[in-house]
Amino acid sequence: MNTAQATPNDGRPGTAAPGVPLTTRADARVLDGLRTALGGLLDGPSREHYTAPPVIARRTVELAGYHTSFPQLLGAVHGGHDGEPAPTDLVLTPAACHHLYPLLAAEGGPAGGTLSVEAQCYRGELTTESGRLRSFRMYEFVTVGRPEEVERWRDAALTRAGELLHRLGLSPRTEAANDPFFGRAGRLAANLQHAQQLKWELVVPTSDGIEQAVSSANYHKEHFGEAFGLSDGDGQPAHSACLAFGLDRLVLALRHRYEFDTGRWPQDVRSLLAL
């Protein structure tokens, strides 16, 4: 195959790099509609919404523990004025929520409330499976506070996410899962997280014969509170949770469900996405 003309099997225009698709004008309109729908998803406004850059401080990712959990997925940024380029203090953003914890830590005082952020993320995936992207957009809500408040928020956020996907006609399936927030991705840690039901994924078809998670709701317990020095109103390490959406996978799922001509999508879906 001529990689300079690579095209993913989901029908979108590709670049010379597998897993790095281009965005058409039509898809950009769908993405804007998804952002609008997500902005009103949860009860009450978030404290602030941020658009994050595609790079993040290496130290932040190290504090989060991502570099020890999935070092093979992390992308480094190299640079230098003289001689061979060397690693800088930046890496490519692996998860949108990582941008928010240093921000909360810098505020000082008890951590609380909900923030949201969208980031262009990178993960060094080796597969060429449709939807298994190396560069993708992630939209996340993050809340911090006392354990019972945060777990209750996570459950309510998962419900709202499922309702939105049903309104989009995607008929999600909810599955317990595990993620890299708790040290090395060993079988014991993964099984423990799965048993405690700390992470739930909403899975939908994204192409023929392929189902993938387009959203997840994660309860991190005190992991990020301890890593970034966040305390709750009782002076204990704050607990945190996030609700994440893979925007590019959502576009894939909608294209798979309704084909490519958005003008022929159901009117209620078009209205929801302001198309």
C-alpha atoms as a PDB file:
ATOM      1  CA  MET A   1       0.000   0.000   0.000  1.00  0.00           C
ATOM      2  CA  ASN A   2       1.205   3.515  -0.750  1.00  0.00           C
ATOM      3  CA  THR A   3       1.270   4.984   2.758  1.00  0.00           C
ATOM      4  CA  ALA A   4       1.329   8.501   1.371  1.00  0.00           C
ATOM      5  CA  GLN A   5      -2.249   7.875   0.242  1.00  0.00           C
ATOM      6  CA  ALA A   6      -3.403   5.812   3.224  1.00  0.00           C
ATOM      7  CA  THR A   7      -7.137   5.849   3.904  1.00  0.00           C
ATOM      8  CA  PRO A   8      -8.728   4.249   6.996  1.00  0.00           C
ATOM      9  CA  ASN A   9     -11.369   1.596   6.340  1.00  0.00           C
ATOM     10  CA  ASP A  10     -14.071   3.736   7.967  1.00  0.00           C
ATOM     11  CA  GLY A  11     -14.270   5.905   4.857  1.00  0.00           C
ATOM     12  CA  ARG A  12     -12.582   9.044   6.189  1.00  0.00           C
ATOM     13  CA  PRO A  13      -9.644  10.650   4.382  1.00  0.00           C
ATOM     14  CA  GLY A  14      -6.365   9.502   5.858  1.00  0.00           C
ATOM     15  CA  THR A  15      -2.889  10.930   6.166  1.00  0.00           C
ATOM     16  CA  ALA A  16       0.428   9.231   5.539  1.00  0.00           C
ATOM     17  CA  ALA A  17       0.291   7.968   9.149  1.00  0.00           C
ATOM     18  CA  PRO A  18      -2.143   5.156  10.050  1.00  0.00           C
ATOM     19  CA  GLY A  19      -4.540   6.096  12.836  1.00  0.00           C
ATOM     20  CA  VAL A  20      -4.244   9.816  12.081  1.00  0.00           C
ATOM     21  CA  PRO A  21      -7.281  10.776   9.956  1.00  0.00           C
ATOM     22  CA  LEU A  22      -8.204  14.155   8.550  1.00  0.00           C
ATOM     23  CA  THR A  23     -11.440  15.922   9.488  1.00  0.00           C
ATOM     24  CA  THR A  24     -13.819  16.952   6.722  1.00  0.00           C
ATOM     25  CA  ARG A  25     -16.043  20.027   6.873  1.00  0.00           C
ATOM     26  CA  ALA A  26     -19.086  17.772   7.370  1.00  0.00           C
ATOM     27  CA  ASP A  27     -17.456  15.915  10.262  1.00  0.00           C
ATOM     28  CA  ALA A  28     -16.430  19.231  11.827  1.00  0.00           C
ATOM     29  CA  ARG A  29     -20.106  20.218  11.904  1.00  0.00           C
ATOM     30  CA  VAL A  30     -20.970  16.960  13.673  1.00  0.00           C
ATOM     31  CA  LEU A  31     -18.143  17.556  16.157  1.00  0.00           C
ATOM     32  CA  ASP A  32     -19.454  21.049  16.890  1.00  0.00           C
ATOM     33  CA  GLY A  33     -22.913  19.590  17.458  1.00  0.00           C
ATOM     34  CA  LEU A  34     -21.514  17.008  19.866  1.00  0.00           C
ATOM     35  CA  ARG A  35     -19.705  19.750  21.801  1.00  0.00           C
ATOM     36  CA  THR A  36     -22.950  21.686  22.142  1.00  0.00           C
ATOM     37  CA  ALA A  37     -24.837  18.602  23.327  1.00  0.00           C
ATOM     38  CA  LEU A  38     -22.109  17.717  25.824  1.00  0.00           C
ATOM     39  CA  GLY A  39     -21.951  21.254  27.159  1.00  0.00           C
ATOM     40  CA  GLY A  40     -25.508  20.902  28.461  1.00  0.00           C
ATOM     41  CA  LEU A  41     -25.250  17.275  29.518  1.00  0.00           C
ATOM     42  CA  LEU A  42     -24.856  17.561  33.292  1.00  0.00           C
ATOM     43  CA  ASP A  43     -26.970  19.435  35.798  1.00  0.00           C
ATOM     44  CA  GLY A  44     -25.623  22.927  36.380  1.00  0.00           C
ATOM     45  CA  PRO A  45     -22.725  24.554  34.568  1.00  0.00           C
ATOM     46  CA  SER A  46     -19.173  23.391  35.097  1.00  0.00           C
ATOM     47  CA  ARG A  47     -16.882  25.848  36.852  1.00  0.00           C
ATOM     48  CA  GLU A  48     -15.043  26.365  33.570  1.00  0.00           C
ATOM     49  CA  HIS A  49     -14.514  24.662  30.231  1.00  0.00           C
ATOM     50  CA  TYR A  50     -11.022  24.512  28.738  1.00  0.00           C
ATOM     51  CA  THR A  51      -9.558  23.649  25.363  1.00  0.00           C
ATOM     52  CA  ALA A  52      -6.162  22.073  26.000  1.00  0.00           C
ATOM     53  CA  PRO A  53      -3.100  21.924  23.734  1.00  0.00           C
ATOM     54  CA  PRO A  54      -1.845  18.620  22.303  1.00  0.00           C
ATOM     55  CA  VAL A  55       1.195  18.696  24.625  1.00  0.00           C
ATOM     56  CA  ILE A  56       1.467  18.516  28.400  1.00  0.00           C
ATOM     57  CA  ALA A  57       4.237  18.760  30.991  1.00  0.00           C
ATOM     58  CA  ARG A  58       6.115  15.491  31.329  1.00  0.00           C
ATOM     59  CA  ARG A  59       6.051  15.939  35.106  1.00  0.00           C
ATOM     60  CA  THR A  60       2.237  16.013  35.116  1.00  0.00           C
ATOM     61  CA  VAL A  61       2.014  12.691  33.307  1.00  0.00           C
ATOM     62  CA  GLU A  62       4.602  11.205  35.658  1.00  0.00           C
ATOM     63  CA  LEU A  63       2.622  12.324  38.706  1.00  0.00           C
ATOM     64  CA  ALA A  64      -0.505  10.812  37.169  1.00  0.00           C
ATOM     65  CA  GLY A  65       1.341   7.496  36.804  1.00  0.00           C
ATOM     66  CA  TYR A  66       0.587   7.090  33.120  1.00  0.00           C
ATOM     67  CA  HIS A  67       4.232   6.659  32.136  1.00  0.00           C
ATOM     68  CA  THR A  68       4.570   3.541  34.309  1.00  0.00           C
ATOM     69  CA  SER A  69       1.197   2.063  33.368  1.00  0.00           C
ATOM     70  CA  PHE A  70       1.398   2.418  29.591  1.00  0.00           C
ATOM     71  CA  PRO A  71       4.872   3.609  28.584  1.00  0.00           C
ATOM     72  CA  GLN A  72       4.365   2.079  25.130  1.00  0.00           C
ATOM     73  CA  LEU A  73       1.447   4.454  24.452  1.00  0.00           C
ATOM     74  CA  LEU A  74       3.131   7.675  25.558  1.00  0.00           C
ATOM     75  CA  GLY A  75       4.546  10.018  22.925  1.00  0.00           C
ATOM     76  CA  ALA A  76       7.572  12.172  23.763  1.00  0.00           C
ATOM     77  CA  VAL A  77       8.373  15.587  22.319  1.00  0.00           C
ATOM     78  CA  HIS A  78      11.968  16.042  21.159  1.00  0.00           C
ATOM     79  CA  GLY A  79      13.753  19.247  20.340  1.00  0.00           C
ATOM     80  CA  GLY A  80      17.084  21.015  20.577  1.00  0.00           C
ATOM     81  CA  HIS A  81      19.040  23.901  19.136  1.00  0.00           C
ATOM     82  CA  ASP A  82      22.397  22.170  18.819  1.00  0.00           C
ATOM     83  CA  GLY A  83      23.239  18.646  17.819  1.00  0.00           C
ATOM     84  CA  GLU A  84      20.735  15.788  17.940  1.00  0.00           C
ATOM     85  CA  PRO A  85      17.213  16.511  19.249  1.00  0.00           C
ATOM     86  CA  ALA A  86      16.686  15.352  22.812  1.00  0.00           C
ATOM     87  CA  PRO A  87      13.566  14.797  24.960  1.00  0.00           C
ATOM     88  CA  THR A  88      12.032  18.017  26.247  1.00  0.00           C
ATOM     89  CA  ASP A  89       9.927  18.692  29.320  1.00  0.00           C
ATOM     90  CA  LEU A  90       6.807  17.992  27.219  1.00  0.00           C
ATOM     91  CA  VAL A  91       4.997  14.847  26.095  1.00  0.00           C
ATOM     92  CA  LEU A  92       1.921  14.425  23.906  1.00  0.00           C
ATOM     93  CA  THR A  93      -1.323  14.587  25.888  1.00  0.00           C
ATOM     94  CA  PRO A  94      -2.489  11.006  26.633  1.00  0.00           C
ATOM     95  CA  ALA A  95      -5.742  11.982  28.426  1.00  0.00           C
ATOM     96  CA  ALA A  96      -7.572  15.304  28.549  1.00  0.00           C
ATOM     97  CA  CYS A  97      -8.214  15.230  32.295  1.00  0.00           C
ATOM     98  CA  HIS A  98      -4.476  15.288  33.082  1.00  0.00           C
ATOM     99  CA  HIS A  99      -4.457  18.994  32.222  1.00  0.00           C
ATOM    100  CA  LEU A 100      -6.865  19.800  35.069  1.00  0.00           C
ATOM    101  CA  TYR A 101      -5.194  18.344  38.165  1.00  0.00           C
ATOM    102  CA  PRO A 102      -2.244  20.778  38.262  1.00  0.00           C
ATOM    103  CA  LEU A 103      -4.772  23.572  37.756  1.00  0.00           C
ATOM    104  CA  LEU A 104      -6.772  22.413  40.772  1.00  0.00           C
ATOM    105  CA  ALA A 105      -3.594  21.978  42.807  1.00  0.00           C
ATOM    106  CA  ALA A 106      -2.497  25.545  42.039  1.00  0.00           C
ATOM    107  CA  GLU A 107      -5.752  26.900  43.456  1.00  0.00           C
ATOM    108  CA  GLY A 108      -4.883  25.691  46.958  1.00  0.00           C
ATOM    109  CA  GLY A 109      -7.497  25.058  49.592  1.00  0.00           C
ATOM    110  CA  PRO A 110     -10.127  22.310  49.443  1.00  0.00           C
ATOM    111  CA  ALA A 111     -10.715  20.972  45.955  1.00  0.00           C
ATOM    112  CA  GLY A 112     -14.280  20.785  44.736  1.00  0.00           C
ATOM    113  CA  GLY A 113     -16.624  21.242  41.828  1.00  0.00           C
ATOM    114  CA  THR A 114     -16.668  20.122  38.214  1.00  0.00           C
ATOM    115  CA  LEU A 115     -14.484  21.242  35.317  1.00  0.00           C
ATOM    116  CA  SER A 116     -14.565  20.195  31.675  1.00  0.00           C
ATOM    117  CA  VAL A 117     -11.858  20.077  29.035  1.00  0.00           C
ATOM    118  CA  GLU A 118     -11.309  19.021  25.434  1.00  0.00           C
ATOM    119  CA  ALA A 119      -7.882  17.981  24.218  1.00  0.00           C
ATOM    120  CA  GLN A 120      -6.240  16.511  21.151  1.00  0.00           C
ATOM    121  CA  CYS A 121      -4.733  13.332  22.561  1.00  0.00           C
ATOM    122  CA  TYR A 122      -2.138  10.842  21.373  1.00  0.00           C
ATOM    123  CA  ARG A 123      -1.600   7.171  22.186  1.00  0.00           C
ATOM    124  CA  GLY A 124       0.889   4.968  20.382  1.00  0.00           C
ATOM    125  CA  GLU A 125      -1.572   2.294  19.297  1.00  0.00           C
ATOM    126  CA  LEU A 126      -0.154  -0.350  16.973  1.00  0.00           C
ATOM    127  CA  THR A 127      -3.434  -1.606  15.543  1.00  0.00           C
ATOM    128  CA  THR A 128      -5.016  -0.326  12.342  1.00  0.00           C
ATOM    129  CA  GLU A 129      -8.501  -1.327  13.528  1.00  0.00           C
ATOM    130  CA  SER A 130     -11.097   1.271  12.616  1.00  0.00           C
ATOM    131  CA  GLY A 131     -11.548   3.680  15.530  1.00  0.00           C
ATOM    132  CA  ARG A 132      -8.287   2.650  17.207  1.00  0.00           C
ATOM    133  CA  LEU A 133      -6.742   6.038  16.575  1.00  0.00           C
ATOM    134  CA  ARG A 134      -3.348   7.386  17.571  1.00  0.00           C
ATOM    135  CA  SER A 135      -4.524  11.013  17.405  1.00  0.00           C
ATOM    136  CA  PHE A 136      -8.029  11.740  18.674  1.00  0.00           C
ATOM    137  CA  ARG A 137     -10.198  14.300  20.456  1.00  0.00           C
ATOM    138  CA  MET A 138     -11.278  13.658  24.042  1.00  0.00           C
ATOM    139  CA  TYR A 139     -13.929  15.662  25.896  1.00  0.00           C
ATOM    140  CA  GLU A 140     -13.945  15.144  29.667  1.00  0.00           C
ATOM    141  CA  PHE A 141     -15.770  16.274  32.770  1.00  0.00           C
ATOM    142  CA  VAL A 142     -13.824  15.993  36.031  1.00  0.00           C
ATOM    143  CA  THR A 143     -15.089  16.379  39.576  1.00  0.00           C
ATOM    144  CA  VAL A 144     -13.200  16.296  42.883  1.00  0.00           C
ATOM    145  CA  GLY A 145     -14.406  16.198  46.461  1.00  0.00           C
ATOM    146  CA  ARG A 146     -15.456  13.812  49.212  1.00  0.00           C
ATOM    147  CA  PRO A 147     -15.727  10.087  48.368  1.00  0.00           C
ATOM    148  CA  GLU A 148     -19.501   9.771  48.636  1.00  0.00           C
ATOM    149  CA  GLU A 149     -20.064  12.941  46.598  1.00  0.00           C
ATOM    150  CA  VAL A 150     -17.692  11.890  43.855  1.00  0.00           C
ATOM    151  CA  GLU A 151     -19.020   8.348  43.509  1.00  0.00           C
ATOM    152  CA  ARG A 152     -22.579   9.659  43.389  1.00  0.00           C
ATOM    153  CA  TRP A 153     -21.529  12.134  40.669  1.00  0.00           C
ATOM    154  CA  ARG A 154     -19.881   9.359  38.652  1.00  0.00           C
ATOM    155  CA  ASP A 155     -23.038   7.238  38.713  1.00  0.00           C
ATOM    156  CA  ALA A 156     -25.268  10.159  37.705  1.00  0.00           C
ATOM    157  CA  ALA A 157     -22.842  11.183  34.935  1.00  0.00           C
ATOM    158  CA  LEU A 158     -22.846   7.643  33.532  1.00  0.00           C
ATOM    159  CA  THR A 159     -26.640   7.690  33.435  1.00  0.00           C
ATOM    160  CA  ARG A 160     -26.679  11.025  31.599  1.00  0.00           C
ATOM    161  CA  ALA A 161     -24.099   9.780  29.095  1.00  0.00           C
ATOM    162  CA  GLY A 162     -26.200   6.706  28.355  1.00  0.00           C
ATOM    163  CA  GLU A 163     -29.293   8.844  27.883  1.00  0.00           C
ATOM    164  CA  LEU A 164     -27.463  11.080  25.399  1.00  0.00           C
ATOM    165  CA  LEU A 165     -26.232   8.113  23.365  1.00  0.00           C
ATOM    166  CA  HIS A 166     -29.757   6.684  23.277  1.00  0.00           C
ATOM    167  CA  ARG A 167     -31.057  10.031  22.023  1.00  0.00           C
ATOM    168  CA  LEU A 168     -28.435   9.825  19.277  1.00  0.00           C
ATOM    169  CA  GLY A 169     -29.813   6.399  18.351  1.00  0.00           C
ATOM    170  CA  LEU A 170     -26.622   4.534  19.238  1.00  0.00           C
ATOM    171  CA  SER A 171     -28.104   2.013  21.757  1.00  0.00           C
ATOM    172  CA  PRO A 172     -25.057   1.720  24.042  1.00  0.00           C
ATOM    173  CA  ARG A 173     -24.116  -1.332  26.066  1.00  0.00           C
ATOM    174  CA  THR A 174     -22.665  -0.667  29.541  1.00  0.00           C
ATOM    175  CA  GLU A 175     -19.615  -2.723  30.543  1.00  0.00           C
ATOM    176  CA  ALA A 176     -17.350  -2.783  33.571  1.00  0.00           C
ATOM    177  CA  ALA A 177     -13.739  -2.176  32.553  1.00  0.00           C
ATOM    178  CA  ASN A 178     -10.326  -1.150  33.869  1.00  0.00           C
ATOM    179  CA  ASP A 179      -7.900   1.656  33.070  1.00  0.00           C
ATOM    180  CA  PRO A 180      -4.293   2.731  33.780  1.00  0.00           C
ATOM    181  CA  PHE A 181      -4.863   4.934  36.827  1.00  0.00           C
ATOM    182  CA  PHE A 182      -3.708   2.419  39.420  1.00  0.00           C
ATOM    183  CA  GLY A 183      -0.069   1.552  38.817  1.00  0.00           C
ATOM    184  CA  ARG A 184       1.225  -1.016  36.369  1.00  0.00           C
ATOM    185  CA  ALA A 185      -1.462  -2.715  34.325  1.00  0.00           C
ATOM    186  CA  GLY A 186      -0.946  -6.063  36.038  1.00  0.00           C
ATOM    187  CA  ARG A 187      -3.700  -8.651  36.074  1.00  0.00           C
ATOM    188  CA  LEU A 188      -4.284  -8.311  39.833  1.00  0.00           C
ATOM    189  CA  ALA A 189      -4.735  -4.533  39.681  1.00  0.00           C
ATOM    190  CA  ALA A 190      -6.989  -4.782  36.641  1.00  0.00           C
ATOM    191  CA  ASN A 191      -9.110  -7.501  38.222  1.00  0.00           C
ATOM    192  CA  LEU A 192      -9.406  -5.508  41.454  1.00  0.00           C
ATOM    193  CA  GLN A 193     -10.567  -2.398  39.627  1.00  0.00           C
ATOM    194  CA  HIS A 194     -13.019  -4.453  37.588  1.00  0.00           C
ATOM    195  CA  ALA A 195     -14.420  -6.097  40.740  1.00  0.00           C
ATOM    196  CA  GLN A 196     -14.844  -2.727  42.464  1.00  0.00           C
ATOM    197  CA  GLN A 197     -16.640  -1.389  39.383  1.00  0.00           C
ATOM    198  CA  LEU A 198     -14.552   1.790  39.344  1.00  0.00           C
ATOM    199  CA  LYS A 199     -14.768   2.180  35.554  1.00  0.00           C
ATOM    200  CA  TRP A 200     -17.759   1.762  33.275  1.00  0.00           C
ATOM    201  CA  GLU A 201     -17.694   2.014  29.496  1.00  0.00           C
ATOM    202  CA  LEU A 202     -20.502   2.701  27.042  1.00  0.00           C
ATOM    203  CA  VAL A 203     -19.905   0.528  23.978  1.00  0.00           C
ATOM    204  CA  VAL A 204     -21.529   0.968  20.550  1.00  0.00           C
ATOM    205  CA  PRO A 205     -20.911  -0.285  16.996  1.00  0.00           C
ATOM    206  CA  THR A 206     -18.415   1.948  15.181  1.00  0.00           C
ATOM    207  CA  SER A 207     -18.062  -0.083  11.980  1.00  0.00           C
ATOM    208  CA  ASP A 208     -19.126  -3.456  10.586  1.00  0.00           C
ATOM    209  CA  GLY A 209     -18.349  -6.139  13.143  1.00  0.00           C
ATOM    210  CA  ILE A 210     -16.579  -3.741  15.527  1.00  0.00           C
ATOM    211  CA  GLU A 211     -17.909  -2.362  18.813  1.00  0.00           C
ATOM    212  CA  GLN A 212     -15.881   0.158  20.808  1.00  0.00           C
ATOM    213  CA  ALA A 213     -16.227   2.344  23.871  1.00  0.00           C
ATOM    214  CA  VAL A 214     -17.255   5.902  23.004  1.00  0.00           C
ATOM    215  CA  SER A 215     -17.639   7.059  26.605  1.00  0.00           C
ATOM    216  CA  SER A 216     -16.436   6.015  30.046  1.00  0.00           C
ATOM    217  CA  ALA A 217     -17.166   7.010  33.628  1.00  0.00           C
ATOM    218  CA  ASN A 218     -14.257   6.495  36.020  1.00  0.00           C
ATOM    219  CA  TYR A 219     -13.971   6.731  39.791  1.00  0.00           C
ATOM    220  CA  HIS A 220     -10.274   7.257  40.595  1.00  0.00           C
ATOM    221  CA  LYS A 221     -10.701   7.163  44.387  1.00  0.00           C
ATOM    222  CA  GLU A 222      -7.859   9.177  46.002  1.00  0.00           C
ATOM    223  CA  HIS A 223      -5.274   8.409  43.276  1.00  0.00           C
ATOM    224  CA  PHE A 224      -5.095  11.905  41.760  1.00  0.00           C
ATOM    225  CA  GLY A 225      -5.812  13.614  45.068  1.00  0.00           C
ATOM    226  CA  GLU A 226      -2.702  12.069  46.575  1.00  0.00           C
ATOM    227  CA  ALA A 227      -0.595  12.497  43.419  1.00  0.00           C
ATOM    228  CA  PHE A 228      -1.346  16.224  43.074  1.00  0.00           C
ATOM    229  CA  GLY A 229      -1.852  17.177  46.722  1.00  0.00           C
ATOM    230  CA  LEU A 230      -5.604  17.829  46.459  1.00  0.00           C
ATOM    231  CA  SER A 231      -7.604  17.779  49.683  1.00  0.00           C
ATOM    232  CA  ASP A 232     -11.330  17.689  50.302  1.00  0.00           C
ATOM    233  CA  GLY A 233     -13.324  19.785  52.775  1.00  0.00           C
ATOM    234  CA  ASP A 234     -12.347  17.431  55.593  1.00  0.00           C
ATOM    235  CA  GLY A 235      -8.625  17.785  54.985  1.00  0.00           C
ATOM    236  CA  GLN A 236      -8.328  14.290  53.477  1.00  0.00           C
ATOM    237  CA  PRO A 237      -6.942  13.471  50.024  1.00  0.00           C
ATOM    238  CA  ALA A 238      -9.668  14.429  47.583  1.00  0.00           C
ATOM    239  CA  HIS A 239     -11.340  11.740  45.528  1.00  0.00           C
ATOM    240  CA  SER A 240     -11.959  12.324  41.820  1.00  0.00           C
ATOM    241  CA  ALA A 241     -13.999  10.976  38.938  1.00  0.00           C
ATOM    242  CA  CYS A 242     -14.305  11.754  35.260  1.00  0.00           C
ATOM    243  CA  LEU A 243     -16.765  11.276  32.441  1.00  0.00           C
ATOM    244  CA  ALA A 244     -14.964  11.008  29.101  1.00  0.00           C
ATOM    245  CA  PHE A 245     -16.143  10.994  25.494  1.00  0.00           C
ATOM    246  CA  GLY A 246     -14.123  10.047  22.439  1.00  0.00           C
ATOM    247  CA  LEU A 247     -15.421  12.605  19.959  1.00  0.00           C
ATOM    248  CA  ASP A 248     -13.903  10.960  16.886  1.00  0.00           C
ATOM    249  CA  ARG A 249     -15.337   7.580  17.781  1.00  0.00           C
ATOM    250  CA  LEU A 250     -18.741   9.181  18.290  1.00  0.00           C
ATOM    251  CA  VAL A 251     -18.541  10.567  14.759  1.00  0.00           C
ATOM    252  CA  LEU A 252     -17.597   7.093  13.496  1.00  0.00           C
ATOM    253  CA  ALA A 253     -20.531   5.548  15.356  1.00  0.00           C
ATOM    254  CA  LEU A 254     -22.967   8.097  13.945  1.00  0.00           C
ATOM    255  CA  ARG A 255     -21.621   7.632  10.421  1.00  0.00           C
ATOM    256  CA  HIS A 256     -21.939   3.870  10.807  1.00  0.00           C
ATOM    257  CA  ARG A 257     -25.495   4.164  12.127  1.00  0.00           C
ATOM    258  CA  TYR A 258     -26.809   6.710   9.650  1.00  0.00           C
ATOM    259  CA  GLU A 259     -24.355   6.682   6.717  1.00  0.00           C
ATOM    260  CA  PHE A 260     -22.445   9.766   5.573  1.00  0.00           C
ATOM    261  CA  ASP A 261     -25.160  12.163   4.376  1.00  0.00           C
ATOM    262  CA  THR A 262     -26.143  14.077   7.516  1.00  0.00           C
ATOM    263  CA  GLY A 263     -29.062  15.584   5.615  1.00  0.00           C
ATOM    264  CA  ARG A 264     -30.724  12.160   5.720  1.00  0.00           C
ATOM    265  CA  TRP A 265     -30.209  11.557   9.434  1.00  0.00           C
ATOM    266  CA  PRO A 266     -33.344  11.445  11.661  1.00  0.00           C
ATOM    267  CA  GLN A 267     -34.675  14.906  12.409  1.00  0.00           C
ATOM    268  CA  ASP A 268     -34.443  14.475  16.193  1.00  0.00           C
ATOM    269  CA  VAL A 269     -30.739  13.611  15.876  1.00  0.00           C
ATOM    270  CA  ARG A 270     -30.152  16.516  13.520  1.00  0.00           C
ATOM    271  CA  SER A 271     -31.898  18.850  15.959  1.00  0.00           C
ATOM    272  CA  LEU A 272     -29.886  17.556  18.901  1.00  0.00           C
ATOM    273  CA  LEU A 273     -26.659  18.241  16.980  1.00  0.00           C
ATOM    274  CA  ALA A 274     -27.907  21.500  15.438  1.00  0.00           C
ATOM    275  CA  LEU A 275     -27.247  20.179  11.914  1.00  0.00           C
END
